[in-house]
Amino acid sequence: MNGIKDITLSSHLQGLKGPGGNSAVNKLGGDFADLIKKSIESVNARQIDADKAAAGLASGQNSNIHEVMIKMEEAEISLRLMVQMRNKVVEAYQEIMRMQV
């Protein structure tokens, strides 16, 4: 395995230095990972709220069907947005992998 060269994107970015002397992978990777994590947590929170509202409606604790429907639609729209963002990231990655160097 000594003769095999690491060709991952992170290996190529390891040598790049940002303005503060930090490597570009740590700076950009950390920010991107935090952004993705926060987005997933937000979508998950909306899904949980919608599930609680639907359970409350079914049990009779909540009688306002409009609020329940709004929460369910917000959860659905945020999930669709996250899926579309994932699709765009995958498409961009595939496009980069098709590039000839």
N, C-alpha and C. Protein backbone atom coordinates (compact mmCIF):
# COMPACT_ATOMS: atom_id res chain seq x y z
N MET A 1 0.81 -1.19 0.00
CA MET A 1 0.00 0.00 0.00
C MET A 1 0.86 1.26 0.00
N ASN A 2 2.19 1.12 0.10
CA ASN A 2 3.06 2.30 0.14
C ASN A 2 3.08 3.02 -1.19
N GLY A 3 2.86 2.31 -2.30
CA GLY A 3 2.92 2.93 -3.61
C GLY A 3 1.63 3.61 -4.03
N ILE A 4 0.55 3.41 -3.27
CA ILE A 4 -0.75 3.99 -3.63
C ILE A 4 -0.83 5.42 -3.11
N LYS A 5 -1.21 6.32 -4.00
CA LYS A 5 -1.30 7.73 -3.65
C LYS A 5 -2.74 8.05 -3.22
N ASP A 6 -2.88 8.81 -2.12
CA ASP A 6 -4.19 9.23 -1.63
C ASP A 6 -4.70 10.34 -2.54
N ILE A 7 -5.86 10.11 -3.18
CA ILE A 7 -6.38 11.09 -4.13
C ILE A 7 -7.69 11.71 -3.65
N THR A 8 -7.96 11.69 -2.37
CA THR A 8 -9.19 12.29 -1.87
C THR A 8 -9.06 13.80 -1.88
N LEU A 9 -10.22 14.47 -1.91
CA LEU A 9 -10.24 15.92 -1.92
C LEU A 9 -9.60 16.49 -0.67
N SER A 10 -9.87 15.86 0.47
CA SER A 10 -9.31 16.39 1.72
C SER A 10 -7.79 16.27 1.72
N SER A 11 -7.23 15.25 1.09
CA SER A 11 -5.78 15.13 1.05
C SER A 11 -5.15 16.24 0.22
N HIS A 12 -5.83 16.66 -0.82
CA HIS A 12 -5.32 17.74 -1.66
C HIS A 12 -5.46 19.10 -0.99
N LEU A 13 -6.47 19.25 -0.15
CA LEU A 13 -6.69 20.52 0.52
C LEU A 13 -5.90 20.66 1.81
N GLN A 14 -5.27 19.59 2.28
CA GLN A 14 -4.53 19.64 3.54
C GLN A 14 -3.44 20.70 3.52
N GLY A 15 -2.80 20.88 2.38
CA GLY A 15 -1.70 21.82 2.32
C GLY A 15 -2.12 23.28 2.18
N LEU A 16 -3.36 23.52 1.82
CA LEU A 16 -3.82 24.91 1.66
C LEU A 16 -3.97 25.56 3.02
N LYS A 17 -3.54 26.78 3.12
CA LYS A 17 -3.65 27.52 4.38
C LYS A 17 -4.63 28.66 4.21
N GLY A 18 -5.46 28.85 5.21
CA GLY A 18 -6.41 29.96 5.22
C GLY A 18 -5.74 31.21 5.72
N PRO A 19 -6.49 32.31 5.86
CA PRO A 19 -5.92 33.57 6.30
C PRO A 19 -5.28 33.49 7.69
N GLY A 20 -5.83 32.69 8.59
CA GLY A 20 -5.30 32.60 9.94
C GLY A 20 -4.25 31.52 10.09
N GLY A 21 -3.84 30.89 9.00
CA GLY A 21 -2.87 29.82 9.09
C GLY A 21 -3.51 28.46 9.29
N ASN A 22 -4.81 28.40 9.47
CA ASN A 22 -5.50 27.13 9.60
C ASN A 22 -5.62 26.48 8.24
N SER A 23 -5.65 25.17 8.22
CA SER A 23 -5.80 24.51 6.93
C SER A 23 -7.20 24.74 6.41
N ALA A 24 -7.36 24.79 5.11
CA ALA A 24 -8.65 25.05 4.48
C ALA A 24 -9.65 23.96 4.82
N VAL A 25 -9.19 22.72 4.98
CA VAL A 25 -10.10 21.63 5.29
C VAL A 25 -10.73 21.85 6.66
N ASN A 26 -9.94 22.21 7.65
CA ASN A 26 -10.48 22.42 8.99
C ASN A 26 -11.43 23.61 9.01
N LYS A 27 -11.06 24.70 8.34
CA LYS A 27 -11.88 25.90 8.37
C LYS A 27 -13.18 25.69 7.61
N LEU A 28 -13.09 25.27 6.37
CA LEU A 28 -14.29 25.10 5.56
C LEU A 28 -15.07 23.87 5.97
N GLY A 29 -14.39 22.80 6.26
CA GLY A 29 -15.06 21.56 6.63
C GLY A 29 -15.84 21.70 7.92
N GLY A 30 -15.28 22.40 8.89
CA GLY A 30 -15.97 22.58 10.16
C GLY A 30 -17.20 23.45 10.00
N ASP A 31 -17.10 24.55 9.25
CA ASP A 31 -18.23 25.43 9.03
C ASP A 31 -19.33 24.70 8.26
N PHE A 32 -18.96 23.96 7.24
CA PHE A 32 -19.94 23.25 6.43
C PHE A 32 -20.61 22.16 7.26
N ALA A 33 -19.83 21.45 8.05
CA ALA A 33 -20.39 20.39 8.89
C ALA A 33 -21.35 20.97 9.92
N ASP A 34 -20.99 22.14 10.50
CA ASP A 34 -21.88 22.78 11.46
C ASP A 34 -23.17 23.22 10.80
N LEU A 35 -23.07 23.76 9.60
CA LEU A 35 -24.25 24.20 8.87
C LEU A 35 -25.18 23.02 8.57
N ILE A 36 -24.61 21.93 8.12
CA ILE A 36 -25.41 20.74 7.83
C ILE A 36 -26.05 20.20 9.10
N LYS A 37 -25.27 20.15 10.17
CA LYS A 37 -25.80 19.64 11.44
C LYS A 37 -26.97 20.48 11.93
N LYS A 38 -26.82 21.80 11.88
CA LYS A 38 -27.90 22.69 12.32
C LYS A 38 -29.14 22.54 11.44
N SER A 39 -28.94 22.37 10.15
CA SER A 39 -30.07 22.20 9.24
C SER A 39 -30.83 20.91 9.54
N ILE A 40 -30.09 19.84 9.76
CA ILE A 40 -30.73 18.56 10.07
C ILE A 40 -31.46 18.63 11.40
N GLU A 41 -30.85 19.28 12.38
CA GLU A 41 -31.51 19.43 13.68
C GLU A 41 -32.79 20.25 13.55
N SER A 42 -32.77 21.28 12.73
CA SER A 42 -33.95 22.11 12.53
C SER A 42 -35.08 21.32 11.87
N VAL A 43 -34.74 20.56 10.85
CA VAL A 43 -35.75 19.74 10.17
C VAL A 43 -36.30 18.69 11.14
N ASN A 44 -35.43 18.09 11.92
CA ASN A 44 -35.87 17.09 12.89
C ASN A 44 -36.80 17.70 13.93
N ALA A 45 -36.49 18.91 14.40
CA ALA A 45 -37.34 19.58 15.38
C ALA A 45 -38.72 19.86 14.80
N ARG A 46 -38.78 20.28 13.55
CA ARG A 46 -40.08 20.53 12.91
C ARG A 46 -40.87 19.23 12.76
N GLN A 47 -40.18 18.14 12.44
CA GLN A 47 -40.87 16.85 12.33
C GLN A 47 -41.43 16.42 13.68
N ILE A 48 -40.65 16.60 14.73
CA ILE A 48 -41.10 16.23 16.08
C ILE A 48 -42.29 17.08 16.50
N ASP A 49 -42.23 18.40 16.23
CA ASP A 49 -43.35 19.28 16.56
C ASP A 49 -44.62 18.86 15.82
N ALA A 50 -44.48 18.53 14.55
CA ALA A 50 -45.64 18.11 13.76
C ALA A 50 -46.21 16.80 14.30
N ASP A 51 -45.34 15.87 14.67
CA ASP A 51 -45.81 14.60 15.24
C ASP A 51 -46.54 14.81 16.56
N LYS A 52 -45.99 15.68 17.41
CA LYS A 52 -46.65 15.98 18.69
C LYS A 52 -48.01 16.65 18.47
N ALA A 53 -48.06 17.58 17.51
CA ALA A 53 -49.33 18.25 17.23
C ALA A 53 -50.37 17.27 16.70
N ALA A 54 -49.96 16.37 15.83
CA ALA A 54 -50.88 15.37 15.30
C ALA A 54 -51.35 14.41 16.39
N ALA A 55 -50.44 14.02 17.27
CA ALA A 55 -50.82 13.15 18.38
C ALA A 55 -51.77 13.87 19.33
N GLY A 56 -51.53 15.15 19.56
CA GLY A 56 -52.42 15.94 20.40
C GLY A 56 -53.80 16.08 19.80
N LEU A 57 -53.87 16.23 18.48
CA LEU A 57 -55.15 16.31 17.80
C LEU A 57 -55.89 14.98 17.89
N ALA A 58 -55.17 13.89 17.70
CA ALA A 58 -55.79 12.57 17.76
C ALA A 58 -56.29 12.23 19.16
N SER A 59 -55.58 12.71 20.18
CA SER A 59 -55.97 12.39 21.56
C SER A 59 -57.01 13.38 22.10
N GLY A 60 -57.28 14.44 21.37
CA GLY A 60 -58.27 15.41 21.80
C GLY A 60 -57.68 16.55 22.61
N GLN A 61 -56.40 16.57 22.85
CA GLN A 61 -55.77 17.65 23.62
C GLN A 61 -55.73 18.95 22.82
N ASN A 62 -55.61 18.83 21.53
CA ASN A 62 -55.54 20.00 20.66
C ASN A 62 -56.72 19.94 19.70
N SER A 63 -57.55 20.98 19.70
CA SER A 63 -58.73 20.96 18.83
C SER A 63 -58.58 21.86 17.61
N ASN A 64 -57.43 22.55 17.49
CA ASN A 64 -57.23 23.46 16.37
C ASN A 64 -56.52 22.73 15.23
N ILE A 65 -57.31 22.26 14.29
CA ILE A 65 -56.76 21.49 13.17
C ILE A 65 -55.90 22.36 12.25
N HIS A 66 -56.19 23.65 12.22
CA HIS A 66 -55.42 24.55 11.34
C HIS A 66 -53.95 24.62 11.78
N GLU A 67 -53.72 24.76 13.07
CA GLU A 67 -52.35 24.81 13.57
C GLU A 67 -51.61 23.50 13.30
N VAL A 68 -52.32 22.40 13.46
CA VAL A 68 -51.71 21.09 13.22
C VAL A 68 -51.33 20.96 11.75
N MET A 69 -52.21 21.36 10.86
CA MET A 69 -51.92 21.27 9.42
C MET A 69 -50.76 22.19 9.03
N ILE A 70 -50.71 23.38 9.64
CA ILE A 70 -49.61 24.29 9.35
C ILE A 70 -48.28 23.69 9.79
N LYS A 71 -48.25 23.10 10.99
CA LYS A 71 -47.01 22.47 11.47
C LYS A 71 -46.62 21.29 10.59
N MET A 72 -47.59 20.53 10.14
CA MET A 72 -47.28 19.39 9.27
C MET A 72 -46.75 19.86 7.92
N GLU A 73 -47.31 20.92 7.37
CA GLU A 73 -46.83 21.45 6.09
C GLU A 73 -45.44 22.05 6.23
N GLU A 74 -45.18 22.76 7.35
CA GLU A 74 -43.84 23.30 7.58
C GLU A 74 -42.82 22.17 7.63
N ALA A 75 -43.17 21.10 8.33
CA ALA A 75 -42.25 19.96 8.43
C ALA A 75 -42.00 19.33 7.06
N GLU A 76 -43.06 19.19 6.28
CA GLU A 76 -42.91 18.59 4.95
C GLU A 76 -42.06 19.46 4.02
N ILE A 77 -42.32 20.77 4.05
CA ILE A 77 -41.57 21.68 3.18
C ILE A 77 -40.10 21.72 3.59
N SER A 78 -39.82 21.73 4.90
CA SER A 78 -38.42 21.76 5.32
C SER A 78 -37.71 20.46 4.94
N LEU A 79 -38.41 19.34 5.01
CA LEU A 79 -37.80 18.06 4.60
C LEU A 79 -37.54 18.04 3.10
N ARG A 80 -38.49 18.53 2.33
CA ARG A 80 -38.29 18.59 0.87
C ARG A 80 -37.10 19.47 0.51
N LEU A 81 -36.99 20.62 1.20
CA LEU A 81 -35.87 21.52 0.95
C LEU A 81 -34.54 20.83 1.27
N MET A 82 -34.49 20.12 2.39
CA MET A 82 -33.25 19.43 2.75
C MET A 82 -32.90 18.35 1.73
N VAL A 83 -33.90 17.64 1.24
CA VAL A 83 -33.64 16.60 0.23
C VAL A 83 -33.13 17.23 -1.06
N GLN A 84 -33.71 18.37 -1.47
CA GLN A 84 -33.24 19.04 -2.68
C GLN A 84 -31.82 19.57 -2.51
N MET A 85 -31.51 20.08 -1.31
CA MET A 85 -30.15 20.54 -1.05
C MET A 85 -29.18 19.36 -1.14
N ARG A 86 -29.56 18.23 -0.58
CA ARG A 86 -28.71 17.04 -0.66
C ARG A 86 -28.49 16.65 -2.12
N ASN A 87 -29.56 16.67 -2.90
CA ASN A 87 -29.43 16.31 -4.32
C ASN A 87 -28.47 17.24 -5.06
N LYS A 88 -28.54 18.54 -4.75
CA LYS A 88 -27.64 19.50 -5.40
C LYS A 88 -26.18 19.26 -5.00
N VAL A 89 -25.96 18.95 -3.73
CA VAL A 89 -24.60 18.67 -3.27
C VAL A 89 -24.06 17.42 -3.95
N VAL A 90 -24.88 16.39 -4.07
CA VAL A 90 -24.46 15.16 -4.74
C VAL A 90 -24.16 15.43 -6.21
N GLU A 91 -25.01 16.22 -6.86
CA GLU A 91 -24.76 16.56 -8.27
C GLU A 91 -23.44 17.33 -8.42
N ALA A 92 -23.19 18.28 -7.53
CA ALA A 92 -21.95 19.04 -7.60
C ALA A 92 -20.74 18.14 -7.38
N TYR A 93 -20.84 17.22 -6.43
CA TYR A 93 -19.75 16.28 -6.18
C TYR A 93 -19.50 15.41 -7.41
N GLN A 94 -20.57 14.92 -8.01
CA GLN A 94 -20.40 14.08 -9.20
C GLN A 94 -19.79 14.87 -10.35
N GLU A 95 -20.16 16.13 -10.48
CA GLU A 95 -19.58 16.97 -11.52
C GLU A 95 -18.09 17.18 -11.29
N ILE A 96 -17.72 17.40 -10.04
CA ILE A 96 -16.29 17.56 -9.72
C ILE A 96 -15.53 16.28 -10.02
N MET A 97 -16.13 15.15 -9.71
CA MET A 97 -15.45 13.86 -9.96
C MET A 97 -15.30 13.58 -11.45
N ARG A 98 -16.16 14.16 -12.28
CA ARG A 98 -16.05 13.97 -13.73
C ARG A 98 -15.00 14.86 -14.36
N MET A 99 -14.55 15.88 -13.64
CA MET A 99 -13.55 16.80 -14.18
C MET A 99 -12.22 16.07 -14.41
N GLN A 100 -11.59 16.43 -15.50
CA GLN A 100 -10.29 15.85 -15.79
C GLN A 100 -9.21 16.79 -15.25
N VAL A 101 -8.23 16.18 -14.63
CA VAL A 101 -7.14 16.99 -14.09
C VAL A 101 -5.87 16.83 -14.89
